[in-house]
C-alpha atoms as a PDB file:
ATOM      1  CA  MET A   1       0.000   0.000   0.000  1.00  0.00           C
ATOM      2  CA  LYS A   2       1.373   3.408  -0.927  1.00  0.00           C
ATOM      3  CA  VAL A   3       0.750   6.271   1.518  1.00  0.00           C
ATOM      4  CA  LYS A   4       1.493   9.924   0.752  1.00  0.00           C
ATOM      5  CA  ILE A   5       3.873  11.713   3.121  1.00  0.00           C
ATOM      6  CA  LYS A   6       4.978  15.346   2.983  1.00  0.00           C
ATOM      7  CA  LYS A   7       8.126  16.929   4.392  1.00  0.00           C
ATOM      8  CA  LEU A   8       7.334  20.116   6.323  1.00  0.00           C
ATOM      9  CA  HIS A   9      10.939  20.631   7.425  1.00  0.00           C
ATOM     10  CA  PRO A  10      14.104  20.275   5.318  1.00  0.00           C
ATOM     11  CA  ASP A  11      15.696  17.909   7.863  1.00  0.00           C
ATOM     12  CA  ALA A  12      12.653  15.634   8.129  1.00  0.00           C
ATOM     13  CA  VAL A  13      13.408  11.931   7.744  1.00  0.00           C
ATOM     14  CA  ILE A  14      10.951   9.764   5.811  1.00  0.00           C
ATOM     15  CA  PRO A  15      10.004   6.967   8.244  1.00  0.00           C
ATOM     16  CA  LYS A  16      11.122   3.447   7.474  1.00  0.00           C
ATOM     17  CA  TYR A  17      11.011  -0.002   8.983  1.00  0.00           C
ATOM     18  CA  SER A  18      14.289  -0.868  10.727  1.00  0.00           C
ATOM     19  CA  LYS A  19      14.022  -4.595  10.098  1.00  0.00           C
ATOM     20  CA  LEU A  20      12.011  -6.945   7.919  1.00  0.00           C
ATOM     21  CA  GLY A  21       8.837  -7.841   9.784  1.00  0.00           C
ATOM     22  CA  ASP A  22       8.758  -4.701  11.962  1.00  0.00           C
ATOM     23  CA  ALA A  23       5.252  -3.304  12.466  1.00  0.00           C
ATOM     24  CA  GLY A  24       6.273   0.277  13.239  1.00  0.00           C
ATOM     25  CA  LEU A  25       7.856   2.913  11.038  1.00  0.00           C
ATOM     26  CA  ASP A  26      10.508   4.825  13.010  1.00  0.00           C
ATOM     27  CA  LEU A  27       9.857   8.550  13.512  1.00  0.00           C
ATOM     28  CA  THR A  28      12.768  10.992  13.895  1.00  0.00           C
ATOM     29  CA  ALA A  29      12.763  14.316  15.779  1.00  0.00           C
ATOM     30  CA  VAL A  30      13.642  17.484  13.848  1.00  0.00           C
ATOM     31  CA  ASP A  31      12.654  19.889  16.644  1.00  0.00           C
ATOM     32  CA  VAL A  32      11.639  19.809  20.285  1.00  0.00           C
ATOM     33  CA  VAL A  33       9.482  22.257  22.241  1.00  0.00           C
ATOM     34  CA  ALA A  34       9.565  22.205  26.046  1.00  0.00           C
ATOM     35  CA  ASP A  35       6.501  23.204  28.055  1.00  0.00           C
ATOM     36  CA  GLY A  36       7.081  22.503  31.722  1.00  0.00           C
ATOM     37  CA  SER A  37       7.353  18.752  32.202  1.00  0.00           C
ATOM     38  CA  VAL A  38       6.128  18.003  28.659  1.00  0.00           C
ATOM     39  CA  LEU A  39       8.361  17.795  25.597  1.00  0.00           C
ATOM     40  CA  THR A  40       6.836  17.929  22.125  1.00  0.00           C
ATOM     41  CA  TYR A  41       8.989  16.222  19.530  1.00  0.00           C
ATOM     42  CA  LYS A  42       8.221  17.428  16.020  1.00  0.00           C
ATOM     43  CA  THR A  43       8.862  15.127  13.066  1.00  0.00           C
ATOM     44  CA  GLY A  44       8.539  17.714  10.299  1.00  0.00           C
ATOM     45  CA  LEU A  45       6.166  15.347   8.493  1.00  0.00           C
ATOM     46  CA  ALA A  46       2.506  15.258   7.500  1.00  0.00           C
ATOM     47  CA  ILE A  47       0.882  12.088   6.235  1.00  0.00           C
ATOM     48  CA  GLU A  48      -2.252  11.138   4.321  1.00  0.00           C
ATOM     49  CA  ILE A  49      -3.634   8.165   6.228  1.00  0.00           C
ATOM     50  CA  PRO A  50      -5.950   6.233   3.863  1.00  0.00           C
ATOM     51  CA  TRP A  51      -9.670   6.279   4.614  1.00  0.00           C
ATOM     52  CA  TRP A  52     -10.790   3.490   6.955  1.00  0.00           C
ATOM     53  CA  HIS A  53      -7.255   3.318   8.386  1.00  0.00           C
ATOM     54  CA  VAL A  54      -5.727   4.854  11.489  1.00  0.00           C
ATOM     55  CA  GLY A  55      -2.179   5.880  12.326  1.00  0.00           C
ATOM     56  CA  LEU A  56      -1.143   4.777  15.804  1.00  0.00           C
ATOM     57  CA  LEU A  57       1.824   6.465  17.498  1.00  0.00           C
ATOM     58  CA  PHE A  58       3.739   4.420  20.051  1.00  0.00           C
ATOM     59  CA  PRO A  59       6.968   5.010  21.931  1.00  0.00           C
ATOM     60  CA  ARG A  60       9.917   2.892  20.861  1.00  0.00           C
ATOM     61  CA  SER A  61      10.887   0.115  23.258  1.00  0.00           C
ATOM     62  CA  SER A  62      14.098   2.002  24.093  1.00  0.00           C
ATOM     63  CA  VAL A  63      12.029   4.757  25.755  1.00  0.00           C
ATOM     64  CA  TYR A  64      12.606   3.038  29.108  1.00  0.00           C
ATOM     65  CA  LYS A  65      16.211   4.335  28.976  1.00  0.00           C
ATOM     66  CA  THR A  66      15.004   7.957  28.943  1.00  0.00           C
ATOM     67  CA  GLY A  67      12.537   8.175  31.844  1.00  0.00           C
ATOM     68  CA  GLN A  68       9.953   9.668  29.493  1.00  0.00           C
ATOM     69  CA  SER A  69       6.449   8.425  28.722  1.00  0.00           C
ATOM     70  CA  LEU A  70       4.111   9.254  25.862  1.00  0.00           C
ATOM     71  CA  THR A  71       1.499  11.551  27.428  1.00  0.00           C
ATOM     72  CA  ASN A  72      -1.522   9.829  25.906  1.00  0.00           C
ATOM     73  CA  CYS A  73       0.036   6.320  25.867  1.00  0.00           C
ATOM     74  CA  VAL A  74      -0.971   5.831  22.209  1.00  0.00           C
ATOM     75  CA  GLY A  75      -1.410   8.681  19.752  1.00  0.00           C
ATOM     76  CA  VAL A  76      -4.161   8.451  17.148  1.00  0.00           C
ATOM     77  CA  ILE A  77      -3.888   9.994  13.680  1.00  0.00           C
ATOM     78  CA  ASP A  78      -7.263   9.999  11.959  1.00  0.00           C
ATOM     79  CA  SER A  79      -7.459   9.771   8.173  1.00  0.00           C
ATOM     80  CA  GLY A  80      -8.690  13.365   7.884  1.00  0.00           C
ATOM     81  CA  TYR A  81      -5.723  14.904   9.771  1.00  0.00           C
ATOM     82  CA  ARG A  82      -3.137  16.639   7.592  1.00  0.00           C
ATOM     83  CA  GLY A  83      -1.035  18.451  10.208  1.00  0.00           C
ATOM     84  CA  GLU A  84       2.434  17.686  11.496  1.00  0.00           C
ATOM     85  CA  ILE A  85       3.065  14.395  13.271  1.00  0.00           C
ATOM     86  CA  MET A  86       4.208  15.204  16.807  1.00  0.00           C
ATOM     87  CA  LEU A  87       4.798  13.110  19.898  1.00  0.00           C
ATOM     88  CA  LYS A  88       4.337  14.544  23.394  1.00  0.00           C
ATOM     89  CA  TYR A  89       6.327  13.005  26.221  1.00  0.00           C
ATOM     90  CA  THR A  90       6.080  13.602  29.965  1.00  0.00           C
ATOM     91  CA  LEU A  91       9.387  13.800  31.785  1.00  0.00           C
ATOM     92  CA  SER A  92      10.204  12.102  35.054  1.00  0.00           C
ATOM     93  CA  PRO A  93      12.468  14.099  37.415  1.00  0.00           C
ATOM     94  CA  TYR A  94      15.541  12.176  36.192  1.00  0.00           C
ATOM     95  CA  ALA A  95      14.615  11.937  32.522  1.00  0.00           C
ATOM     96  CA  LYS A  96      17.113  11.972  29.686  1.00  0.00           C
ATOM     97  CA  GLU A  97      15.731  13.893  26.728  1.00  0.00           C
ATOM     98  CA  TYR A  98      15.874  12.679  23.166  1.00  0.00           C
ATOM     99  CA  GLU A  99      18.031  14.816  20.897  1.00  0.00           C
ATOM    100  CA  ILE A 100      17.274  16.197  17.447  1.00  0.00           C
ATOM    101  CA  GLY A 101      17.898  13.359  14.986  1.00  0.00           C
ATOM    102  CA  ASP A 102      16.933  10.643  17.480  1.00  0.00           C
ATOM    103  CA  ARG A 103      14.181   8.174  16.690  1.00  0.00           C
ATOM    104  CA  VAL A 104      11.431   9.231  19.103  1.00  0.00           C
ATOM    105  CA  GLY A 105       8.524   6.958  18.283  1.00  0.00           C
ATOM    106  CA  GLN A 106       6.962   4.615  15.812  1.00  0.00           C
ATOM    107  CA  LEU A 107       3.958   4.816  13.536  1.00  0.00           C
ATOM    108  CA  ILE A 108       1.739   1.839  12.780  1.00  0.00           C
ATOM    109  CA  ILE A 109      -0.973   2.223  10.123  1.00  0.00           C
ATOM    110  CA  MET A 110      -3.868  -0.205  10.447  1.00  0.00           C
ATOM    111  CA  PRO A 111      -7.298  -0.700   8.911  1.00  0.00           C
ATOM    112  CA  TYR A 112     -10.307  -0.541  11.192  1.00  0.00           C
ATOM    113  CA  PRO A 113     -13.918  -1.626  10.748  1.00  0.00           C
ATOM    114  CA  ARG A 114     -16.554   1.063  10.499  1.00  0.00           C
ATOM    115  CA  ILE A 115     -19.192  -0.021  12.991  1.00  0.00           C
ATOM    116  CA  GLU A 116     -22.780   0.949  13.611  1.00  0.00           C
ATOM    117  CA  LEU A 117     -23.879   0.907  17.247  1.00  0.00           C
ATOM    118  CA  GLU A 118     -27.267  -0.582  18.019  1.00  0.00           C
ATOM    119  CA  GLU A 119     -28.847   0.369  21.349  1.00  0.00           C
ATOM    120  CA  THR A 120     -30.306  -2.566  23.265  1.00  0.00           C
ATOM    121  CA  GLU A 121     -31.778  -3.387  26.666  1.00  0.00           C
ATOM    122  CA  GLU A 122     -29.799  -6.636  27.032  1.00  0.00           C
ATOM    123  CA  LEU A 123     -26.335  -7.854  26.050  1.00  0.00           C
ATOM    124  CA  THR A 124     -25.500 -11.450  25.193  1.00  0.00           C
ATOM    125  CA  PRO A 125     -24.387 -13.177  28.423  1.00  0.00           C
ATOM    126  CA  THR A 126     -20.806 -14.479  28.742  1.00  0.00           C
ATOM    127  CA  GLU A 127     -18.894 -16.518  31.317  1.00  0.00           C
ATOM    128  CA  ARG A 128     -17.084 -13.377  32.509  1.00  0.00           C
ATOM    129  CA  GLY A 129     -20.187 -11.222  32.681  1.00  0.00           C
ATOM    130  CA  GLU A 130     -19.539  -7.855  34.345  1.00  0.00           C
ATOM    131  CA  GLY A 131     -16.268  -8.942  35.988  1.00  0.00           C
ATOM    132  CA  GLY A 132     -13.706  -6.193  35.480  1.00  0.00           C
ATOM    133  CA  TYR A 133     -10.255  -5.540  36.895  1.00  0.00           C
ATOM    134  CA  GLY A 134      -8.819  -8.655  38.504  1.00  0.00           C
ATOM    135  CA  SER A 135     -11.913 -10.727  37.758  1.00  0.00           C
ATOM    136  CA  THR A 136      -9.945 -13.638  36.295  1.00  0.00           C
ATOM    137  CA  GLY A 137      -8.120 -14.188  39.603  1.00  0.00           C
ATOM    138  CA  ARG A 138      -4.630 -13.811  38.150  1.00  0.00           C
END
């Protein structure tokens, strides 16, 4: 599948898969904006996510080395969004910041079903029922 991507910054790096079989395209920082304990890493890229697909932004597994965490855990890029891809990280007191040129996240593009909700008085019963957190006993 071909997906259109636009450079908004001359130093922007077109994302790529690091290894065969990788799910995420690596995203590289071209700028960083600090706002208190939140850092916004700008990629200098805009993307045209195909209709009925979603772009999901995740931290890279190496984020544990930095003491940062993605503020919304998973970023969502809807197919109608055409602005810059940015990742916002919250800093811990002893965090090590990413630098310009570092890979700061990964983008996974996935299809999703378009659903139609149907209001009902009853839901189909299951073995679990209404059991929530910790209900499986493990």
